[in-house]
Amino acid sequence: MAAAASTSMAATAVLMHRLPAAKTTAVFCPLPQRPPLSAAPFKLLKESRRSSKILVKASSSDESPIDANELFTDLKEKWDAVENKSTVLLYGGGAVVSVWLASIVVGAINSVPVLPKIMELVGLGYTGWFVYRYLLFKSSRKELATDIEALKKKIAGTVE
């Protein structure tokens, strides 16, 4: 059966090259035809792109904004200044593991058919609430700014 199918396919392939090309026929379409595009809009588009280019001038300065040796020496000095190196490594490892676990949980949630759309709706709802609560009015924006400053001070340890 497989041999017959493969020989018929081969015969079809050989015959396809010998058959004359199919003639194109007019097809009736009830929709109106679109007028052909003129080249004028494209010329305007090219000109507008040309005028919006930003010119960048290269300078031959030996000073680079980031020096790799300086960066490594700063990092080494900060690492030497740390008293509890094991605690820092433990926190760093915990952060890596928690990011890995979070990606696994998000992947599992994403594989459930309806749950990603529900999560999108929850995110949109929370975003709308946040905008209404903190960004819409001037007084609430000031409140948000003071809350952020208080959090910065709390994290930096400069709370009075």
Protein backbone atom coordinates (compact mmCIF):
# COMPACT_ATOMS: atom_id res chain seq x y z
CA MET A 1 0.00 0.00 0.00
CA ALA A 2 2.81 2.40 0.91
CA ALA A 3 4.66 1.50 -2.29
CA ALA A 4 1.59 2.29 -4.38
CA ALA A 5 1.16 5.63 -2.62
CA SER A 6 4.79 6.60 -3.17
CA THR A 7 4.71 5.61 -6.87
CA SER A 8 1.49 7.58 -7.42
CA MET A 9 3.07 10.60 -5.74
CA ALA A 10 6.14 10.27 -7.92
CA ALA A 11 3.98 9.96 -11.03
CA THR A 12 2.01 13.04 -9.98
CA ALA A 13 5.22 14.98 -9.46
CA VAL A 14 6.47 13.99 -12.93
CA LEU A 15 3.15 14.85 -14.55
CA MET A 16 2.94 18.22 -12.80
CA HIS A 17 6.00 19.42 -14.70
CA ARG A 18 4.49 18.36 -18.03
CA LEU A 19 1.04 19.88 -17.48
CA PRO A 20 0.43 23.30 -19.05
CA ALA A 21 0.17 26.24 -16.69
CA ALA A 22 -3.29 26.92 -15.39
CA LYS A 23 -5.10 29.78 -17.07
CA THR A 24 -6.21 32.63 -14.87
CA THR A 25 -9.91 33.26 -14.84
CA ALA A 26 -11.81 36.29 -13.67
CA VAL A 27 -13.52 35.83 -10.33
CA PHE A 28 -16.64 37.81 -9.52
CA CYS A 29 -16.29 39.69 -6.24
CA PRO A 30 -19.29 41.66 -4.92
CA LEU A 31 -17.02 44.00 -2.95
CA PRO A 32 -15.90 47.24 -4.63
CA GLN A 33 -12.32 47.41 -5.84
CA ARG A 34 -9.84 49.60 -3.99
CA PRO A 35 -8.30 52.39 -6.04
CA PRO A 36 -4.60 51.91 -6.75
CA LEU A 37 -2.20 53.60 -4.39
CA SER A 38 -0.32 56.58 -5.71
CA ALA A 39 3.34 57.18 -4.94
CA ALA A 40 2.70 60.64 -3.43
CA PRO A 41 2.04 59.50 0.17
CA PHE A 42 5.19 57.40 0.11
CA LYS A 43 7.28 60.38 -1.00
CA LEU A 44 5.88 62.41 1.89
CA LEU A 45 6.67 59.56 4.25
CA LYS A 46 10.28 59.40 3.06
CA GLU A 47 10.68 63.15 3.44
CA SER A 48 9.24 63.15 6.96
CA ARG A 49 11.60 60.35 8.00
CA ARG A 50 14.53 62.19 6.53
CA SER A 51 13.76 65.36 8.48
CA SER A 52 13.36 63.53 11.78
CA LYS A 53 16.80 61.92 11.80
CA ILE A 54 19.02 62.76 14.71
CA LEU A 55 22.63 63.56 13.95
CA VAL A 56 25.19 62.10 16.31
CA LYS A 57 28.74 63.36 16.38
CA ALA A 58 31.45 61.03 17.62
CA SER A 59 34.22 62.48 19.73
CA SER A 60 37.69 61.08 20.16
CA SER A 61 38.03 61.27 23.90
CA ASP A 62 40.22 58.88 25.85
CA GLU A 63 37.93 59.17 28.86
CA SER A 64 35.23 56.51 28.99
CA PRO A 65 32.25 57.02 31.29
CA ILE A 66 32.69 53.57 32.87
CA ASP A 67 36.13 52.27 33.79
CA ALA A 68 36.13 48.50 34.39
CA ASN A 69 39.12 48.54 36.76
CA GLU A 70 37.55 51.27 38.86
CA LEU A 71 34.29 49.36 38.99
CA PHE A 72 36.00 46.16 40.17
CA THR A 73 38.03 47.99 42.81
CA ASP A 74 34.88 49.67 44.14
CA LEU A 75 33.07 46.34 44.31
CA LYS A 76 36.04 44.72 46.06
CA GLU A 77 36.18 47.52 48.62
CA LYS A 78 32.45 47.22 49.33
CA TRP A 79 32.70 43.43 49.63
CA ASP A 80 35.64 43.74 52.03
CA ALA A 81 33.64 46.24 54.12
CA VAL A 82 30.78 43.74 54.59
CA GLU A 83 30.93 42.14 58.04
CA ASN A 84 28.49 39.24 57.60
CA LYS A 85 29.44 37.80 54.23
CA SER A 86 27.57 34.56 54.90
CA THR A 87 24.35 36.50 55.52
CA VAL A 88 24.74 38.43 52.27
CA LEU A 89 25.36 35.19 50.35
CA LEU A 90 22.37 33.56 52.05
CA TYR A 91 20.09 36.48 51.15
CA GLY A 92 21.42 36.53 47.58
CA GLY A 93 20.86 32.79 47.18
CA GLY A 94 17.40 33.12 48.68
CA ALA A 95 16.57 35.87 46.20
CA VAL A 96 17.69 33.71 43.26
CA VAL A 97 15.66 30.73 44.52
CA SER A 98 12.57 32.89 45.09
CA VAL A 99 12.76 34.32 41.57
CA TRP A 100 13.11 30.79 40.19
CA LEU A 101 10.10 29.57 42.21
CA ALA A 102 8.05 32.60 41.14
CA SER A 103 8.77 31.84 37.48
CA ILE A 104 7.62 28.25 38.01
CA VAL A 105 4.38 29.41 39.68
CA VAL A 106 3.70 31.94 36.92
CA GLY A 107 4.31 29.25 34.29
CA ALA A 108 1.89 26.92 36.06
CA ILE A 109 -0.76 29.63 36.29
CA ASN A 110 -0.22 30.49 32.64
CA SER A 111 -0.86 26.88 31.59
CA VAL A 112 -4.40 26.89 33.07
CA PRO A 113 -6.73 27.92 30.22
CA VAL A 114 -8.89 30.65 31.81
CA LEU A 115 -6.67 31.81 34.66
CA PRO A 116 -4.30 34.11 32.67
CA LYS A 117 -7.23 36.17 31.39
CA ILE A 118 -8.65 36.44 34.91
CA MET A 119 -5.24 37.58 36.16
CA GLU A 120 -5.12 40.21 33.38
CA LEU A 121 -8.53 41.50 34.52
CA VAL A 122 -7.36 41.61 38.13
CA GLY A 123 -4.25 43.54 37.06
CA LEU A 124 -6.28 45.99 35.00
CA GLY A 125 -8.67 46.48 37.91
CA TYR A 126 -5.84 47.12 40.35
CA THR A 127 -4.18 49.53 37.90
CA GLY A 128 -7.44 51.45 37.54
CA TRP A 129 -7.85 51.61 41.30
CA PHE A 130 -4.25 52.78 41.78
CA VAL A 131 -4.66 55.53 39.18
CA TYR A 132 -7.92 56.68 40.79
CA ARG A 133 -6.53 56.48 44.31
CA TYR A 134 -3.04 57.97 43.88
CA LEU A 135 -2.58 59.65 40.49
CA LEU A 136 -5.83 61.35 39.52
CA PHE A 137 -5.91 64.18 42.05
CA LYS A 138 -3.13 66.53 43.12
CA SER A 139 -3.58 65.93 46.86
CA SER A 140 -3.36 62.16 46.43
CA ARG A 141 -0.20 62.56 44.30
CA LYS A 142 1.38 64.52 47.17
CA GLU A 143 0.32 61.78 49.57
CA LEU A 144 1.93 59.16 47.35
CA ALA A 145 5.15 61.20 47.16
CA THR A 146 5.32 61.48 50.96
CA ASP A 147 4.66 57.74 51.33
CA ILE A 148 7.47 56.96 48.87
CA GLU A 149 9.88 59.30 50.69
CA ALA A 150 8.98 57.69 54.03
CA LEU A 151 9.62 54.25 52.53
CA LYS A 152 12.99 55.40 51.14
CA LYS A 153 13.99 56.69 54.57
CA LYS A 154 12.84 53.47 56.22
CA ILE A 155 14.87 51.34 53.79
CA ALA A 156 17.95 53.54 54.05
CA GLY A 157 17.68 53.50 57.86
CA THR A 158 17.44 57.26 58.33
CA VAL A 159 14.07 57.23 60.12
CA GLU A 160 14.12 59.69 63.00
